[in-house]
Amino acid sequence: MFATVFAIIIGIFAGTITGITPGIHLNLVAALTLANASLLLQYSTLENIVIALIAMATTHTFLDSIPSTYLGVAESEKVVSALPAQQLLLEGRGYEAVTLTTKGSLYGAIIMILLAPFLIKILPNFYSRITWAIPTIILVSAIVLILQEKKKKEAIITFIFAAALGCIVLTSPSIKDPLLPLFSGLFGVSTLLLTCKDKPLIPPQTMQKEKSDRKETAKTLTAATIAGLFAGTLPGIGNAQIATLATALQKTQTQRQYLILTGALGTAIMVLSFITLYSLQKARNGAVVAIAELIPKMNQEILVSATITIISTAIIATAITLWCAKRASSWILKINYQMLCKITIAGIILLTVLVVGPIGIIILITATAIGILPQKYGVARSHLMACLIVPTVFYLI
């Protein structure tokens, strides 16, 4: 019992680090854990290593709202093109943004846990019926995103460049951990570079929150649940694409709804990944892939342990996230924001060199250049997910 509790604590600690540190992707830590499994087994059991991975993955989905809110902010004149969390930060409401996302994450975990018995029964039959249509569904989701843009030509250009890079990088057997430089460049360094150039003025942050609308929250969580069921079973579909589907299920959407939605989706998809692994024996993300490698067949006993771990971790991760958000709201005014972004970029470059090697720098630079395109064009960054969508479609065809 003590060893299991210790494993959960280790997982929460690791998930906190991966969540608040830009550039350290959850998949990277999962891959490193898998690579060193034989060494870890000298000090722990296989079950406890899996428990630690589950706790880490769950915690990460909560804590990653911290850097997405407090880092990579555009200057105030460009606030319209900024993400809702960054908009609230520029209004002095960064803590509220994290609170809303965390609220969604907690509810998303609870809802998926409650639905687990039902999903375990229907998923095998549901998946067998839609398997033939998965490539079409993935492509249609990408086309829908492009058609929603006013600047369709620019969106298509962004999509093509990201798709080409993804096909080259992900199909090369000689590249180790390609997702690290690929995602860090597309979504991390590209945004941080523009932030250094823009010199955003971060106003004093308040800890006050607007009163939540229960009916509004219920509608948002319902949309997130329906959309999350698709994202958790369809490979290559990211949160951005599914968020678009969930938005379409609502007549209107406020900043609050969007943040609750994205928080709920992130955690719901993670929980559903474990359910999918149990019912379909298919892994949908790096952490679950590592677990699938460690345990070839996930049985009911492990699923029950995973459920208990997810619930306990979600509660603790909620408290940690809110505490970190309060500290970040205070520290963001005392530090040199541009210097913080530069240090973060340097850290990503160093990590890329250590993990991937020299080829990783080439990928990182190329991905960064492509990642700047949607921000310069004024189109959604979700088109950058073509780096996964197109290779996935080619693999499934």
Foldseek 3Di string as FASTA:
>chain_A
DVLLVVLLVLLLVLLLCCQQAQLNHLLVVLVVCLVCVVVVCVPDPLLSPLLSLLLSLLLNLLRNLNCLQLALAFAPVCLVLHALLVVCQQVQANLQLSLLLLLLQLVLLVVLLVCLVVCLVCVVVVCVVCLVVLLVVLVVLLVVQLVVDPCNVLLVVLLVLLLVLLQVQVPDPLWFPSCSLQCCQQPNLLSLVNCLVRVHDGDQHDNDYDDDDPVLLVLLSVLLLVLLVCLLSRALDDLVSSLVSSCVSDPDDDSSSSSSSSSSSSNNSSLSQLSCCQRVVDGHDSSSVSSCVSPVHDDPVSNVSSSVSSNVSSVVSSVVNSVVSVVSSVVSNVDDSSVVSVVSVVVSVVVQCVRGNPVSVVSNVSSNVSSNSCVVVSGDSVSSSSSRSNVVSVVSD
